[in-house]
Protein backbone atom coordinates (compact mmCIF):
# COMPACT_ATOMS: atom_id res chain seq x y z
CA MET A 1 18.70 -16.02 -8.22
CA LEU A 2 16.14 -13.28 -7.61
CA GLU A 3 15.37 -10.61 -10.17
CA THR A 4 16.48 -7.24 -8.86
CA ASN A 5 14.94 -5.17 -11.66
CA ILE A 6 11.70 -4.74 -13.57
CA THR A 7 12.37 -5.27 -17.27
CA LYS A 8 11.01 -3.44 -20.29
CA SER A 9 9.45 -6.66 -21.61
CA THR A 10 7.04 -6.69 -18.64
CA PHE A 11 5.75 -3.25 -19.60
CA GLN A 12 5.55 -4.32 -23.24
CA PHE A 13 3.40 -7.32 -22.34
CA LEU A 14 1.10 -5.29 -20.08
CA ASN A 15 0.64 -2.70 -22.83
CA LYS A 16 -0.32 -5.43 -25.29
CA LEU A 17 -2.71 -6.92 -22.75
CA LYS A 18 -4.37 -3.54 -22.28
CA LYS A 19 -5.08 -3.41 -26.02
CA ASN A 20 -6.19 -7.05 -26.21
CA ASN A 21 -7.99 -7.67 -22.94
CA ASN A 22 -9.89 -10.79 -23.94
CA ARG A 23 -9.62 -14.50 -23.21
CA ASP A 24 -8.69 -15.62 -26.73
CA TRP A 25 -5.69 -13.30 -26.92
CA PHE A 26 -4.58 -14.10 -23.38
CA THR A 27 -4.79 -17.85 -23.99
CA GLU A 28 -2.67 -17.47 -27.11
CA HIS A 29 -0.08 -15.47 -25.16
CA LYS A 30 -0.25 -17.43 -21.89
CA ALA A 31 3.38 -18.56 -22.10
CA GLU A 32 4.54 -14.96 -22.52
CA PHE A 33 2.47 -13.93 -19.51
CA LYS A 34 3.89 -16.72 -17.36
CA ALA A 35 7.44 -15.71 -18.24
CA GLU A 36 6.80 -12.09 -17.23
CA GLU A 37 4.85 -13.10 -14.12
CA THR A 38 7.74 -15.30 -12.99
CA LYS A 39 10.20 -12.41 -13.33
CA VAL A 40 7.95 -9.97 -11.46
CA LYS A 41 7.26 -12.50 -8.70
CA SER A 42 11.01 -12.89 -8.31
CA PHE A 43 11.35 -9.10 -8.07
CA PHE A 44 8.63 -9.03 -5.39
CA ASN A 45 10.61 -11.60 -3.42
CA HIS A 46 13.67 -9.38 -3.73
CA VAL A 47 11.63 -6.51 -2.26
CA LEU A 48 10.52 -8.89 0.49
CA ASP A 49 14.11 -9.75 1.35
CA ASN A 50 14.92 -6.04 1.63
CA LEU A 51 11.88 -5.46 3.84
CA LYS A 52 12.93 -8.26 6.17
CA LEU A 53 16.16 -6.40 6.90
CA HIS A 54 14.22 -3.74 8.83
CA ASP A 55 10.74 -5.16 9.54
CA GLU A 56 9.07 -8.43 10.48
CA ILE A 57 7.02 -9.65 7.52
CA GLU A 58 4.50 -12.46 7.88
CA LYS A 59 3.80 -13.11 4.22
CA LEU A 60 4.03 -11.93 0.64
CA LYS A 61 0.82 -12.08 -1.37
CA VAL A 62 1.05 -11.79 -5.15
CA PHE A 63 -2.31 -10.87 -6.63
CA ARG A 64 -3.72 -12.84 -9.56
CA ILE A 65 -4.02 -11.27 -13.00
CA TYR A 66 -7.66 -12.39 -13.28
CA ARG A 67 -10.33 -9.83 -12.44
CA ASP A 68 -13.49 -10.58 -10.47
CA VAL A 69 -16.10 -9.08 -12.80
CA ARG A 70 -19.22 -10.31 -11.01
CA PHE A 71 -20.08 -6.93 -9.48
CA SER A 72 -18.21 -4.65 -11.87
CA LYS A 73 -19.41 -2.68 -14.88
CA ASN A 74 -15.97 -3.24 -16.37
CA LYS A 75 -16.13 -6.78 -17.76
CA THR A 76 -12.58 -7.02 -19.08
CA PRO A 77 -11.26 -10.31 -17.68
CA TYR A 78 -7.68 -9.32 -16.83
CA LYS A 79 -5.93 -6.69 -14.77
CA THR A 80 -3.38 -4.62 -16.66
CA HIS A 81 -0.98 -4.47 -13.74
CA LEU A 82 0.94 -6.86 -11.51
CA SER A 83 0.88 -6.27 -7.78
CA ALA A 84 1.74 -7.64 -4.37
CA SER A 85 1.22 -6.90 -0.69
CA PHE A 86 3.49 -7.53 2.27
CA ALA A 87 1.81 -8.25 5.62
CA ARG A 88 3.59 -7.33 8.84
CA ALA A 89 3.95 -10.06 11.46
CA GLY A 90 2.50 -10.05 14.96
CA LYS A 91 -0.48 -8.44 16.65
CA HIS A 92 1.68 -5.54 17.81
CA ARG A 93 2.67 -4.58 14.26
CA ARG A 94 -0.04 -2.80 12.29
CA GLY A 95 -0.11 -1.43 8.75
CA GLY A 96 0.81 -2.99 5.44
CA TYR A 97 2.83 -2.47 2.28
CA TYR A 98 1.62 -2.60 -1.33
CA LEU A 99 3.46 -2.46 -4.66
CA GLN A 100 1.94 -2.17 -8.15
CA ILE A 101 3.71 -2.42 -11.49
CA ALA A 102 1.95 -1.02 -14.57
CA PRO A 103 2.93 1.17 -17.51
CA GLY A 104 2.09 4.72 -16.50
CA ASN A 105 0.58 3.63 -13.19
CA SER A 106 3.23 2.14 -10.93
CA PHE A 107 3.12 3.04 -7.26
CA ILE A 108 3.70 1.89 -3.72
CA ALA A 109 1.21 2.39 -0.91
CA THR A 110 1.28 1.93 2.83
CA GLY A 111 -1.05 2.41 5.75
CA PHE A 112 -4.53 1.37 6.73
CA TRP A 113 -6.97 0.73 3.89
CA ASN A 114 -10.15 -0.25 5.69
CA PRO A 115 -9.75 -0.30 9.48
CA GLU A 116 -12.24 -2.42 11.39
CA LYS A 117 -15.00 -0.50 13.18
CA GLU A 118 -13.30 -0.77 16.57
CA ASP A 119 -9.91 0.31 15.20
CA LEU A 120 -11.44 3.26 13.36
CA LEU A 121 -13.14 4.48 16.53
CA ARG A 122 -9.92 4.06 18.52
CA ILE A 123 -7.99 6.14 15.97
CA ARG A 124 -10.61 8.87 15.95
CA LYS A 125 -10.69 9.02 19.75
CA GLU A 126 -6.92 9.43 19.75
CA TRP A 127 -7.08 12.30 17.27
CA GLU A 128 -9.85 13.89 19.35
CA ILE A 129 -7.50 14.00 22.34
CA ASP A 130 -4.25 14.93 20.65
CA ILE A 131 -3.00 15.05 17.07
CA THR A 132 0.53 16.24 17.83
CA ASP A 133 2.34 12.91 17.55
CA LEU A 134 0.79 12.30 14.13
CA THR A 135 1.44 15.76 12.71
CA ASP A 136 5.02 15.74 13.99
CA ILE A 137 5.59 12.71 11.76
CA ILE A 138 3.59 13.46 8.64
CA LYS A 139 4.59 17.13 8.43
CA ASN A 140 8.28 16.37 8.81
CA LYS A 141 10.01 17.72 5.67
CA LYS A 142 11.91 14.53 4.86
CA PHE A 143 8.87 12.32 5.42
CA LYS A 144 6.68 14.60 3.32
CA SER A 145 9.24 14.72 0.50
CA ILE A 146 8.96 10.94 0.22
CA TRP A 147 5.31 10.24 0.95
CA GLY A 148 3.43 13.48 0.41
CA ASP A 149 0.09 13.86 2.17
CA LEU A 150 -2.11 11.42 4.07
CA VAL A 151 -4.90 10.30 1.72
CA GLY A 152 -7.94 8.02 1.74
CA ASP A 153 -11.73 8.07 1.83
CA GLU A 154 -13.33 10.37 4.36
CA LEU A 155 -16.73 11.54 5.58
CA LYS A 156 -18.09 14.89 4.41
CA THR A 157 -18.89 15.83 7.99
CA ALA A 158 -18.07 14.68 11.51
CA PRO A 159 -18.69 11.02 12.37
CA LYS A 160 -21.44 10.30 14.89
CA GLY A 161 -20.41 11.30 18.41
CA PHE A 162 -17.74 13.78 17.30
CA ASP A 163 -17.88 17.56 17.15
CA LYS A 164 -17.76 18.95 13.61
CA GLU A 165 -16.01 22.02 15.04
CA ASP A 166 -13.20 19.95 16.54
CA PRO A 167 -9.86 21.50 15.48
CA ASN A 168 -8.69 18.04 14.40
CA ILE A 169 -11.82 17.21 12.37
CA GLU A 170 -9.85 16.94 9.10
CA PHE A 171 -8.25 13.80 10.52
CA ILE A 172 -11.20 12.55 12.60
CA ARG A 173 -13.48 12.27 9.57
CA LYS A 174 -11.06 10.07 7.64
CA LYS A 175 -12.05 6.45 7.03
CA GLN A 176 -8.71 5.40 5.54
CA PHE A 177 -5.17 6.38 6.47
CA ILE A 178 -2.99 5.82 3.41
CA PHE A 179 0.18 7.13 1.86
CA ILE A 180 0.86 6.64 -1.87
CA LYS A 181 4.07 7.22 -3.80
CA ASN A 182 3.98 7.14 -7.61
CA PHE A 183 6.87 6.19 -9.89
CA THR A 184 7.47 7.00 -13.54
CA ASP A 185 8.14 4.18 -15.99
CA LYS A 186 11.75 5.37 -16.21
CA GLU A 187 12.12 5.08 -12.44
CA VAL A 188 10.58 1.60 -12.39
CA LEU A 189 12.95 0.37 -15.10
CA SER A 190 16.02 1.88 -13.43
CA ASP A 191 18.61 -0.24 -11.65
CA ASP A 192 17.90 1.37 -8.28
CA PHE A 193 14.09 1.00 -8.28
CA ALA A 194 14.12 -1.74 -5.63
CA ASN A 195 16.30 0.45 -3.41
CA LYS A 196 13.95 3.42 -3.85
CA VAL A 197 11.00 1.24 -2.87
CA ASN A 198 12.83 -0.04 0.18
CA ASP A 199 14.02 3.41 1.25
CA SER A 200 10.42 4.62 1.09
CA TYR A 201 9.24 1.67 3.16
CA VAL A 202 11.92 2.43 5.75
CA ALA A 203 10.73 6.03 5.91
CA ILE A 204 7.15 5.03 6.77
CA ARG A 205 8.15 3.25 9.99
CA PRO A 206 7.63 6.17 12.41
CA TYR A 207 4.03 6.36 11.17
CA PHE A 208 3.55 2.60 11.54
CA ASP A 209 5.10 2.65 15.01
CA LEU A 210 2.73 5.40 16.14
CA MET A 211 -0.38 3.76 14.68
CA SER A 212 0.62 0.36 16.06
CA SER A 213 1.00 1.87 19.52
CA ILE A 214 -2.44 3.50 19.29
CA LEU A 215 -4.19 0.39 18.01
CA THR A 216 -2.72 -1.91 20.64
CA THR A 217 -3.53 0.28 23.67
CA ASN A 218 -6.59 1.91 25.19
CA LEU A 219 -6.96 5.65 25.77
CA ASN A 220 -5.11 5.27 29.07
CA GLY A 221 -2.13 3.80 27.25
CA GLU A 222 -2.73 0.30 28.66
CA SER A 223 -1.95 -2.65 26.41
CA LEU A 224 -4.87 -4.46 24.73
CA LEU A 225 -2.72 -7.44 23.84
CA ASP A 226 -2.80 -10.68 25.78
C-alpha cells in the first residue's frame, strides 16, 4: 500500500542529517535513513499515480541522497532533502514536474530548466512574434494564485539577434522558464498535501500545452514531429 502522507519522522531525520552531515554518522544511522527513504519513495509513487490520472508520465526518477562534491565548494557528502522528478511521455509532450521534501524548504517546480539551444531559440522567436498566448495563461488570476510568476535565469540584455527594445524583451531574454510553488512544513505534513501537489500540477497544463505546441512546430505552425 502506498504512503499518502509525508510523516514527521522524515523531517526529524533530515534535521538530524543537516546537523551531522558526515559519513560516520550516516553509516551509523543508515537503517533509519532507509526506512524514511522507503516511505518517501512510496509517497512519490502515490503522486505519480495521481499524475497519471490527467497526464502521460514516462518515468519517475527519485534522486539519490549522495551529493556529487567533485566540483563543489560544499563538501558535505549528503543532501538534506529528498526529491523526485516526473518525466512526461512522448515527443509531443514537453515540460517536467519536480517535487522536493525538506524541513523549511519543500517545494514543487514545473517547466523548462535548461532548454536545448534550438528549443531556446524557437521559444524566443515565438515571443518575438507574439506573447499574447503566454500572458493570457500566466496572468490569469487563478493560475497566478497557484504558481505565482515565471522565474528562471535570464540574460541582462537582449540575446544575439534580438532587439533590446522589443516590447517582449523581458521574456525573450529568459534562459529558463520555470514555476515554483513553496509549501510550509505544516502543509507538507497535512493529510491533503498530495492533493495540493496534484491540483497544482493540473493547473500548469495550459502552460505545458502551449509550450509543447510551440516546441513541436515551426514558426508557420507546421509540425516538426515525424
